[in-house]
Amino acid sequence: MPAVTVENPLTLPRVAAPADAVARPVIGVTTAPSGFEGEGFPVRRAFAGIHYRHLDPFIMMDQMGEVDYAPGEPKGTPWHPHRGFETVTYIIDGVFDHQDSHGGGGTITNGDTQWMTAGSGLLHIEAPPEALVMSGGLFHGLQLWVNLPAKDKMMAPKYQDIRGGHVQLLTTPDGGALLRVIAGELDGHDGPGVTHTPITMVHATLAPGAELTLPWREDFNGLAYVLAGKGSVGAERRPIHLGQTAVFGAGSSLTVRADEKQDSHTPDLEVVLLGGQPIREPMAHYGPFVMNTREELQQAFEDFQKGRLGTVPAVHGMSEGGL
């Protein structure tokens, strides 16, 4: 980790918060519980225990792996429906195939992002390719769910396949951190992901002892999730480590620092920084559907059961009824 990097970060544009920026305090730090998803791949539930008022417009995020599979072990998810939000799948190490009931799909690997706007609904499957199942190997990624405002919930489904080489690479003034802007904007630099809800998504790698203080939109919330390593967050240097999420309060900048000493198997601090403009609409969430009312949820289930979200392609040998 990670797949997308550069030999000399000092060749990249540099970003830093202005001297008069108001530092965001750390409201709290939570630890993600571990579990299993789909056919049994391990995940950490990054946002478990965090109130939605601090997450909006983000709904949930799973860290998938990091796991080194033996031959025959790699797993994915079976066919499943979605409606009313966007799924963002970011593969740091490994390979994942994805396909939907509308004929979309593709392969993402090593720094790629598959951004799926479920909108009015579809059926979807994600799984490792057969060659990886046979060989085994390293797998590590994230899946983030981003809510859609009511006006966009029933839009036509679509994809963005964002290749790792297209992310916006930045650094800090001393070159101690590498920033990958996947979506949104950071200090005037735009990532390739096009968002319906204004957000910023950054994967940052901090060398031991490095610190970054970034400008952050005041109308956005602020979250930091540690993928690997250990460090601290905020001007108060609140400790944080693998599997923990920091929630920031109000302000115009946020700070993350890597500890001087990291574990031998984790040379750097790896952190995902998220910010978004809260939608502030009622949310009704159950399973794979995220709507505004219980009636809309019930309609989503009915539409799924009646095949209105699409049918599983016959090539997979599955019934048209769904899962």
Protein backbone atom coordinates (compact mmCIF):
# COMPACT_ATOMS: atom_id res chain seq x y z
CA MET A 1 0.00 0.00 0.00
CA PRO A 2 -0.60 2.28 -1.67
CA ALA A 3 -0.69 1.64 -5.41
CA VAL A 4 -0.60 5.28 -6.55
CA THR A 5 2.53 7.06 -5.43
CA VAL A 6 5.48 9.18 -6.63
CA GLU A 7 9.21 8.98 -5.99
CA ASN A 8 9.60 12.63 -5.02
CA PRO A 9 6.48 14.35 -3.59
CA LEU A 10 8.24 17.73 -3.79
CA THR A 11 7.59 17.71 -7.54
CA LEU A 12 3.85 17.99 -6.80
CA PRO A 13 1.71 21.07 -6.07
CA ARG A 14 1.78 21.92 -2.36
CA VAL A 15 -1.18 22.72 -0.16
CA ALA A 16 -1.42 24.17 3.33
CA ALA A 17 -4.01 26.00 5.39
CA PRO A 18 -3.55 29.77 5.65
CA ALA A 19 -2.06 31.13 8.86
CA ASP A 20 -5.40 32.62 9.97
CA ALA A 21 -7.38 29.38 9.47
CA VAL A 22 -9.52 28.28 12.41
CA ALA A 23 -8.40 24.84 13.57
CA ARG A 24 -11.19 22.26 13.81
CA PRO A 25 -11.31 20.63 17.25
CA VAL A 26 -11.70 16.87 17.58
CA ILE A 27 -15.21 16.03 18.83
CA GLY A 28 -14.46 12.36 19.31
CA VAL A 29 -12.58 9.26 18.18
CA THR A 30 -14.38 5.93 17.66
CA THR A 31 -13.07 2.42 16.98
CA ALA A 32 -14.57 0.42 14.12
CA PRO A 33 -15.94 -3.02 15.01
CA SER A 34 -14.90 -5.88 12.74
CA GLY A 35 -17.30 -8.11 10.86
CA PHE A 36 -17.89 -9.90 7.57
CA GLU A 37 -19.70 -8.79 4.42
CA GLY A 38 -21.00 -10.52 1.32
CA GLU A 39 -19.72 -14.08 1.04
CA GLY A 40 -17.43 -13.60 4.00
CA PHE A 41 -14.72 -11.02 3.38
CA PRO A 42 -13.55 -9.18 6.52
CA VAL A 43 -14.52 -5.53 7.04
CA ARG A 44 -14.19 -2.77 9.62
CA ARG A 45 -17.33 -0.65 10.01
CA ALA A 46 -15.68 2.76 10.08
CA PHE A 47 -18.70 4.84 11.09
CA ALA A 48 -20.28 2.53 13.67
CA GLY A 49 -21.30 4.47 16.77
CA ILE A 50 -21.11 7.91 15.12
CA HIS A 51 -24.36 9.90 15.06
CA TYR A 52 -25.64 10.67 11.56
CA ARG A 53 -25.59 14.43 12.24
CA HIS A 54 -21.77 14.19 12.15
CA LEU A 55 -21.72 11.98 9.02
CA ASP A 56 -24.33 13.56 6.71
CA PRO A 57 -24.08 13.18 3.67
CA PHE A 58 -22.04 10.01 4.27
CA ILE A 59 -24.01 6.94 5.33
CA MET A 60 -21.47 4.20 6.01
CA MET A 61 -17.93 3.14 5.14
CA ASP A 62 -16.30 -0.30 5.28
CA GLN A 63 -12.58 -0.96 5.20
CA MET A 64 -12.34 -4.23 3.25
CA GLY A 65 -9.29 -6.17 4.43
CA GLU A 66 -6.34 -5.70 4.51
CA VAL A 67 -6.15 -9.46 4.03
CA ASP A 68 -3.66 -11.77 2.31
CA TYR A 69 -5.80 -14.57 0.89
CA ALA A 70 -4.58 -18.12 0.36
CA PRO A 71 -5.51 -19.80 -2.96
CA GLY A 72 -9.25 -20.42 -3.13
CA GLU A 73 -10.09 -17.94 -0.35
CA PRO A 74 -10.90 -14.61 -2.09
CA LYS A 75 -14.59 -13.71 -1.75
CA GLY A 76 -17.00 -11.05 -2.96
CA THR A 77 -20.69 -10.22 -2.68
CA PRO A 78 -23.67 -11.95 -4.31
CA TRP A 79 -26.13 -10.06 -6.50
CA HIS A 80 -27.85 -7.35 -4.47
CA PRO A 81 -30.01 -4.26 -5.14
CA HIS A 82 -29.34 -0.55 -4.45
CA ARG A 83 -31.51 2.56 -4.66
CA GLY A 84 -31.24 6.18 -3.51
CA PHE A 85 -27.50 6.73 -2.97
CA GLU A 86 -24.00 6.29 -4.42
CA THR A 87 -21.43 3.58 -3.67
CA VAL A 88 -17.75 4.48 -3.93
CA THR A 89 -15.42 1.45 -4.09
CA TYR A 90 -11.73 2.33 -3.78
CA ILE A 91 -9.26 -0.53 -4.33
CA ILE A 92 -5.85 0.06 -2.75
CA ASP A 93 -4.42 -3.42 -3.34
CA GLY A 94 -5.93 -6.28 -5.32
CA VAL A 95 -8.50 -6.69 -8.09
CA PHE A 96 -12.32 -6.55 -8.08
CA ASP A 97 -14.77 -7.15 -10.91
CA HIS A 98 -18.16 -5.46 -10.83
CA GLN A 99 -21.26 -5.89 -12.96
CA ASP A 100 -24.85 -4.64 -12.88
CA SER A 101 -28.23 -5.63 -14.26
CA HIS A 102 -28.16 -2.73 -16.75
CA GLY A 103 -25.10 -4.07 -18.59
CA GLY A 104 -22.52 -1.91 -16.81
CA GLY A 105 -19.37 -3.20 -15.16
CA GLY A 106 -15.63 -3.48 -15.31
CA THR A 107 -12.49 -4.25 -13.34
CA ILE A 108 -10.82 -2.03 -10.75
CA THR A 109 -7.37 -2.54 -9.27
CA ASN A 110 -4.51 -0.87 -7.40
CA GLY A 111 -5.70 2.69 -6.80
CA ASP A 112 -8.80 2.63 -9.04
CA THR A 113 -12.23 3.81 -7.88
CA GLN A 114 -15.61 2.61 -9.12
CA TRP A 115 -18.22 5.28 -8.42
CA MET A 116 -21.73 3.93 -8.86
CA THR A 117 -24.74 6.21 -8.70
CA ALA A 118 -27.53 3.74 -7.93
CA GLY A 119 -30.23 6.39 -8.27
CA SER A 120 -33.58 4.80 -9.15
CA GLY A 121 -32.11 1.35 -8.68
CA LEU A 122 -30.24 -1.63 -10.10
CA LEU A 123 -28.84 -5.02 -9.16
CA HIS A 124 -25.11 -5.24 -8.62
CA ILE A 125 -22.38 -7.80 -7.94
CA GLU A 126 -18.75 -7.44 -6.88
CA ALA A 127 -16.30 -10.32 -6.82
CA PRO A 128 -12.62 -11.12 -7.30
CA PRO A 129 -11.76 -12.43 -10.77
CA GLU A 130 -11.35 -16.18 -11.14
CA ALA A 131 -7.57 -15.89 -11.54
CA LEU A 132 -7.28 -14.17 -8.15
CA VAL A 133 -9.51 -16.77 -6.51
CA MET A 134 -7.17 -19.45 -7.85
CA SER A 135 -3.94 -17.72 -6.86
CA GLY A 136 -4.92 -15.87 -3.69
CA GLY A 137 -3.17 -12.64 -2.86
CA LEU A 138 -3.46 -9.29 -1.12
CA PHE A 139 -6.79 -7.48 -1.03
CA HIS A 140 -7.46 -4.09 0.55
CA GLY A 141 -10.04 -1.43 -0.20
CA LEU A 142 -12.84 0.83 0.96
CA GLN A 143 -16.51 1.12 0.19
CA LEU A 144 -18.17 4.42 1.02
CA TRP A 145 -21.90 5.16 0.73
CA VAL A 146 -22.84 8.76 -0.12
CA ASN A 147 -26.44 9.89 0.20
CA LEU A 148 -28.31 11.58 -2.62
CA PRO A 149 -30.69 14.50 -2.02
CA ALA A 150 -34.38 13.76 -2.57
CA LYS A 151 -34.35 15.48 -5.96
CA ASP A 152 -31.69 13.05 -7.26
CA LYS A 153 -32.73 9.77 -5.62
CA MET A 154 -34.64 8.52 -8.66
CA MET A 155 -32.15 9.64 -11.31
CA ALA A 156 -30.95 7.12 -13.89
CA PRO A 157 -28.13 4.88 -12.62
CA LYS A 158 -24.64 5.56 -13.92
CA TYR A 159 -20.94 4.78 -13.33
CA GLN A 160 -17.69 6.62 -13.10
CA ASP A 161 -14.59 4.44 -13.47
CA ILE A 162 -11.77 6.52 -12.01
CA ARG A 163 -8.35 5.10 -12.78
CA GLY A 164 -5.63 5.53 -10.17
CA GLY A 165 -3.44 7.47 -12.58
CA HIS A 166 -6.11 10.16 -12.89
CA VAL A 167 -6.39 11.16 -9.22
CA GLN A 168 -5.05 14.60 -8.31
CA LEU A 169 -1.72 14.22 -6.46
CA LEU A 170 -0.62 16.92 -4.01
CA THR A 171 1.81 17.29 -1.13
CA THR A 172 2.45 19.43 1.94
CA PRO A 173 5.02 22.26 2.04
CA ASP A 174 7.80 19.97 3.34
CA GLY A 175 6.86 17.00 1.14
CA GLY A 176 6.11 14.84 4.17
CA ALA A 177 2.66 13.76 2.97
CA LEU A 178 1.26 12.51 -0.32
CA LEU A 179 -2.38 13.48 -0.93
CA ARG A 180 -4.59 11.73 -3.48
CA VAL A 181 -7.72 13.78 -4.20
CA ILE A 182 -10.22 11.21 -5.48
CA ALA A 183 -13.27 13.47 -5.54
CA GLY A 184 -14.16 17.05 -4.80
CA GLU A 185 -11.79 19.96 -4.34
CA LEU A 186 -8.86 20.69 -2.04
CA ASP A 187 -7.32 24.18 -2.01
CA GLY A 188 -8.33 24.79 -5.62
CA HIS A 189 -7.24 21.36 -6.90
CA ASP A 190 -10.05 19.15 -8.24
CA GLY A 191 -10.23 15.38 -8.06
CA PRO A 192 -11.72 13.40 -10.97
CA GLY A 193 -14.83 12.13 -9.15
CA VAL A 194 -18.01 14.03 -10.06
CA THR A 195 -20.32 14.24 -7.07
CA HIS A 196 -24.05 15.05 -6.86
CA THR A 197 -23.66 15.97 -3.21
CA PRO A 198 -20.68 18.32 -2.66
CA ILE A 199 -17.94 16.26 -0.95
CA THR A 200 -14.17 15.91 -0.76
CA MET A 201 -12.44 12.52 -0.53
CA VAL A 202 -8.67 12.33 0.01
CA HIS A 203 -6.35 9.39 0.69
CA ALA A 204 -3.25 10.74 2.48
CA THR A 205 0.03 8.99 3.25
CA LEU A 206 2.12 10.66 5.98
CA ALA A 207 5.76 9.75 6.55
CA PRO A 208 6.75 9.13 10.20
CA GLY A 209 6.72 12.44 12.08
CA ALA A 210 5.02 14.32 9.22
CA GLU A 211 2.12 16.69 9.83
CA LEU A 212 -0.48 18.12 7.50
CA THR A 213 -2.83 21.01 8.13
CA LEU A 214 -5.25 21.39 5.27
CA PRO A 215 -7.77 24.09 4.43
CA TRP A 216 -11.27 22.64 4.81
CA ARG A 217 -14.54 24.15 3.65
CA GLU A 218 -16.41 25.58 6.62
CA ASP A 219 -19.77 24.34 5.29
CA PHE A 220 -18.43 20.75 5.17
CA ASN A 221 -18.18 18.29 8.00
CA GLY A 222 -14.78 16.68 8.65
CA LEU A 223 -13.83 13.02 9.20
CA ALA A 224 -10.52 11.15 9.26
CA TYR A 225 -10.29 7.34 9.15
CA VAL A 226 -7.01 5.49 9.70
CA LEU A 227 -6.35 2.71 7.19
CA ALA A 228 -2.94 1.85 8.66
CA GLY A 229 -0.43 3.18 11.16
CA LYS A 230 -0.81 5.51 14.10
CA GLY A 231 -0.68 9.21 14.78
CA SER A 232 -2.77 12.06 16.16
CA VAL A 233 -5.49 14.45 15.02
CA GLY A 234 -6.30 18.07 15.75
CA ALA A 235 -4.14 20.78 17.26
CA GLU A 236 -4.66 18.97 20.58
CA ARG A 237 -2.94 15.86 19.11
CA ARG A 238 -5.61 13.34 20.03
CA PRO A 239 -4.11 9.83 19.51
CA ILE A 240 -5.56 7.73 16.69
CA HIS A 241 -4.63 4.40 15.11
CA LEU A 242 -5.70 1.72 12.61
CA GLY A 243 -9.46 1.27 12.48
CA GLN A 244 -10.36 4.52 14.23
CA THR A 245 -12.37 7.48 12.96
CA ALA A 246 -11.92 11.06 14.16
CA VAL A 247 -14.87 13.47 13.97
CA PHE A 248 -13.88 17.13 13.68
CA GLY A 249 -15.92 20.10 14.83
CA ALA A 250 -16.38 23.46 13.15
CA GLY A 251 -13.50 25.43 11.65
CA SER A 252 -11.60 26.08 8.42
CA SER A 253 -8.66 23.66 8.72
CA LEU A 254 -7.95 20.17 9.98
CA THR A 255 -4.69 18.64 11.20
CA VAL A 256 -3.34 15.08 11.12
CA ARG A 257 0.11 14.01 12.34
CA ALA A 258 1.98 10.71 12.00
CA ASP A 259 3.83 9.29 15.00
CA GLU A 260 7.62 9.27 14.76
CA LYS A 261 7.63 5.49 15.15
CA GLN A 262 5.33 3.23 13.13
CA ASP A 263 4.93 -0.55 13.22
CA SER A 264 7.46 -2.52 11.18
CA HIS A 265 4.78 -3.76 8.74
CA THR A 266 3.25 -0.26 8.37
CA PRO A 267 5.94 2.27 7.42
CA ASP A 268 3.57 5.27 7.13
CA LEU A 269 0.30 6.62 8.46
CA GLU A 270 -2.48 6.01 5.91
CA VAL A 271 -5.64 8.04 6.41
CA VAL A 272 -8.80 8.83 4.44
CA LEU A 273 -10.09 12.39 4.87
CA LEU A 274 -13.74 13.05 4.12
CA GLY A 275 -15.84 16.17 4.09
CA GLY A 276 -19.28 16.89 2.73
CA GLN A 277 -22.07 19.42 2.69
CA PRO A 278 -24.86 18.02 4.87
CA ILE A 279 -28.10 17.33 2.99
CA ARG A 280 -30.23 17.80 6.13
CA GLU A 281 -33.20 15.84 4.84
CA PRO A 282 -35.05 13.01 6.58
CA MET A 283 -33.36 9.66 5.91
CA ALA A 284 -35.02 6.23 5.85
CA HIS A 285 -32.32 3.56 5.53
CA TYR A 286 -32.81 -0.18 5.50
CA GLY A 287 -30.36 -2.63 3.99
CA PRO A 288 -29.46 -1.65 0.42
CA PHE A 289 -32.00 1.18 0.13
CA VAL A 290 -31.61 4.77 1.35
CA MET A 291 -34.70 6.93 0.88
CA ASN A 292 -36.48 9.81 2.63
CA THR A 293 -39.59 8.08 3.98
CA ARG A 294 -40.75 4.62 5.09
CA GLU A 295 -43.24 4.63 2.23
CA GLU A 296 -40.40 5.12 -0.26
CA LEU A 297 -38.51 2.25 1.38
CA GLN A 298 -41.54 -0.01 1.04
CA GLN A 299 -41.85 1.00 -2.61
CA ALA A 300 -38.17 0.17 -3.18
CA PHE A 301 -38.66 -3.34 -1.74
CA GLU A 302 -41.77 -3.86 -3.84
CA ASP A 303 -40.00 -2.67 -6.99
CA PHE A 304 -37.09 -5.02 -6.25
CA GLN A 305 -39.36 -8.01 -5.65
CA LYS A 306 -41.24 -7.34 -8.89
CA GLY A 307 -38.05 -7.11 -10.93
CA ARG A 308 -38.26 -3.38 -11.62
CA LEU A 309 -34.64 -2.82 -10.54
CA GLY A 310 -33.45 -5.22 -13.22
CA THR A 311 -32.83 -8.94 -13.44
CA VAL A 312 -29.70 -11.03 -12.98
CA PRO A 313 -28.14 -11.86 -16.38
CA ALA A 314 -28.86 -15.47 -17.33
CA VAL A 315 -25.17 -16.12 -17.99
CA HIS A 316 -24.72 -16.40 -14.24
CA GLY A 317 -27.21 -19.23 -14.05
CA MET A 318 -29.36 -17.42 -11.50
CA SER A 319 -33.10 -16.90 -11.52
CA GLU A 320 -34.51 -13.62 -12.69
CA GLY A 321 -36.10 -13.07 -9.30
CA GLY A 322 -32.90 -11.76 -7.75
CA LEU A 323 -30.53 -13.07 -5.12
